[in-house]
Amino acid sequence: MAIIFLILQKAYCEPCWLFANPASKKIQNVWMEGYDDWKHIVDAIERHETSKIHLDSCLTYQQWRLHGALDEEQESVTKKEKSFWRQVLSRLLEVTLILSTCNLAFRGHREKADSNDPSS
């Protein structure tokens, strides 16, 4: 599976670019950095598509495409945090609208911002 970026004039392997281990000694970095030898691209693609790293990356890629996430627990935590912060923003927006409707300030009844006395 090669993806060609017309702007850069290079071909990339999307599964390897996303999921291949860059520390592996057998990896062909050319497919992650971009392949631009257009005269030999057909042979290069055939060699690359039969490599173990590419096949492993494709399996991981397919799993990711089918399930939407590689780590469902992390996805669940992210959704909970997202929901929490949406509620916080919603409350802040409600408070802001109420204060603006009543022409009230956020900081209370003190007239000076640098005042240290909380009762004034």
Protein backbone atom coordinates (compact mmCIF):
# COMPACT_ATOMS: atom_id res chain seq x y z
CA MET A 1 0.00 0.00 0.00
CA ALA A 2 1.86 3.04 -1.23
CA ILE A 3 0.61 6.57 -0.85
CA ILE A 4 2.02 9.20 -3.16
CA PHE A 5 2.34 12.78 -2.00
CA LEU A 6 2.29 14.87 -5.13
CA ILE A 7 3.69 17.96 -3.45
CA LEU A 8 6.83 16.15 -2.26
CA GLN A 9 6.99 13.82 -5.28
CA LYS A 10 7.59 10.83 -2.99
CA ALA A 11 5.83 7.56 -2.26
CA TYR A 12 5.24 6.41 1.33
CA CYS A 13 3.95 3.26 2.96
CA GLU A 14 1.17 4.37 5.28
CA PRO A 15 1.04 1.25 7.52
CA CYS A 16 4.83 1.30 7.99
CA TRP A 17 4.86 5.05 8.51
CA LEU A 18 2.24 4.72 11.26
CA PHE A 19 3.07 1.42 12.95
CA ALA A 20 6.56 0.14 12.08
CA ASN A 21 9.12 0.13 14.86
CA PRO A 22 11.78 2.70 13.85
CA ALA A 23 14.34 1.00 16.10
CA SER A 24 14.16 -2.23 14.10
CA LYS A 25 17.31 -3.04 12.13
CA LYS A 26 15.34 -4.60 9.26
CA ILE A 27 13.19 -1.59 8.59
CA GLN A 28 13.47 0.18 5.27
CA ASN A 29 13.43 3.84 6.29
CA VAL A 30 12.99 4.86 2.69
CA TRP A 31 9.29 3.93 2.90
CA MET A 32 8.79 6.17 5.92
CA GLU A 33 10.89 9.07 4.63
CA GLY A 34 9.65 8.79 1.07
CA TYR A 35 10.71 6.81 -1.98
CA ASP A 36 11.52 8.85 -5.07
CA ASP A 37 13.32 6.46 -7.45
CA TRP A 38 10.46 6.32 -9.94
CA LYS A 39 12.35 4.09 -12.41
CA HIS A 40 12.54 1.22 -9.92
CA ILE A 41 9.40 1.83 -7.88
CA VAL A 42 7.49 -1.26 -9.04
CA ASP A 43 10.27 -3.62 -7.96
CA ALA A 44 10.76 -1.70 -4.72
CA ILE A 45 7.06 -1.92 -3.86
CA GLU A 46 7.00 -5.66 -4.57
CA ARG A 47 10.04 -6.22 -2.32
CA HIS A 48 8.66 -4.02 0.41
CA GLU A 49 5.18 -5.59 0.41
CA THR A 50 6.67 -9.03 1.12
CA SER A 51 8.87 -7.86 4.01
CA LYS A 52 8.01 -9.03 7.54
CA ILE A 53 7.96 -5.50 8.94
CA HIS A 54 5.47 -4.39 6.29
CA LEU A 55 3.23 -7.41 6.90
CA ASP A 56 3.27 -6.81 10.67
CA SER A 57 2.53 -3.13 10.14
CA CYS A 58 -0.37 -4.00 7.84
CA LEU A 59 -1.88 -6.33 10.45
CA THR A 60 -1.68 -3.60 13.07
CA TYR A 61 -3.08 -1.10 10.58
CA GLN A 62 -6.05 -3.36 9.79
CA GLN A 63 -6.73 -3.92 13.49
CA TRP A 64 -6.65 -0.17 14.03
CA ARG A 65 -9.02 0.43 11.12
CA LEU A 66 -11.50 -2.22 12.33
CA HIS A 67 -11.54 -1.34 16.00
CA GLY A 68 -10.86 2.38 15.79
CA ALA A 69 -8.28 2.30 18.57
CA LEU A 70 -5.41 0.10 19.60
CA ASP A 71 -5.99 0.61 23.29
CA GLU A 72 -9.66 0.72 24.28
CA GLU A 73 -8.91 1.47 27.94
CA GLN A 74 -6.93 4.58 26.99
CA GLU A 75 -9.74 5.60 24.66
CA SER A 76 -12.24 5.25 27.54
CA VAL A 77 -10.11 7.41 29.85
CA THR A 78 -9.76 10.04 27.14
CA LYS A 79 -13.54 10.13 26.62
CA LYS A 80 -14.15 10.56 30.37
CA GLU A 81 -11.65 13.44 30.56
CA LYS A 82 -13.20 15.04 27.49
CA SER A 83 -16.66 14.82 29.06
CA PHE A 84 -15.39 16.30 32.34
CA TRP A 85 -13.76 19.30 30.67
CA ARG A 86 -16.83 19.90 28.51
CA GLN A 87 -18.92 20.10 31.68
CA VAL A 88 -16.42 22.53 33.23
CA LEU A 89 -16.53 24.75 30.15
CA SER A 90 -20.32 24.57 30.09
CA ARG A 91 -20.51 25.74 33.73
CA LEU A 92 -18.05 28.56 33.07
CA LEU A 93 -20.10 29.68 30.09
CA GLU A 94 -23.32 29.62 32.15
CA VAL A 95 -21.70 31.66 34.94
CA THR A 96 -20.34 34.14 32.40
CA LEU A 97 -23.75 34.57 30.78
CA ILE A 98 -25.48 35.06 34.15
CA LEU A 99 -22.88 37.59 35.31
CA SER A 100 -23.05 39.52 32.04
CA THR A 101 -26.86 39.55 32.13
CA CYS A 102 -26.78 41.03 35.65
CA ASN A 103 -23.87 43.41 34.88
CA LEU A 104 -21.72 41.81 37.60
CA ALA A 105 -17.95 41.37 37.67
CA PHE A 106 -16.06 38.09 38.12
CA ARG A 107 -13.82 39.30 40.93
CA GLY A 108 -16.44 40.23 43.51
CA HIS A 109 -17.12 43.54 45.23
CA ARG A 110 -13.56 44.87 45.62
CA GLU A 111 -12.90 47.93 43.55
CA LYS A 112 -9.11 47.56 43.37
CA ALA A 113 -7.46 44.52 41.83
CA ASP A 114 -4.36 44.88 44.05
CA SER A 115 -6.31 45.06 47.33
CA ASN A 116 -5.22 42.42 49.88
CA ASP A 117 -8.15 42.88 52.25
CA PRO A 118 -10.82 40.28 51.35
CA SER A 119 -13.56 42.07 53.34
CA SER A 120 -13.39 45.33 51.40
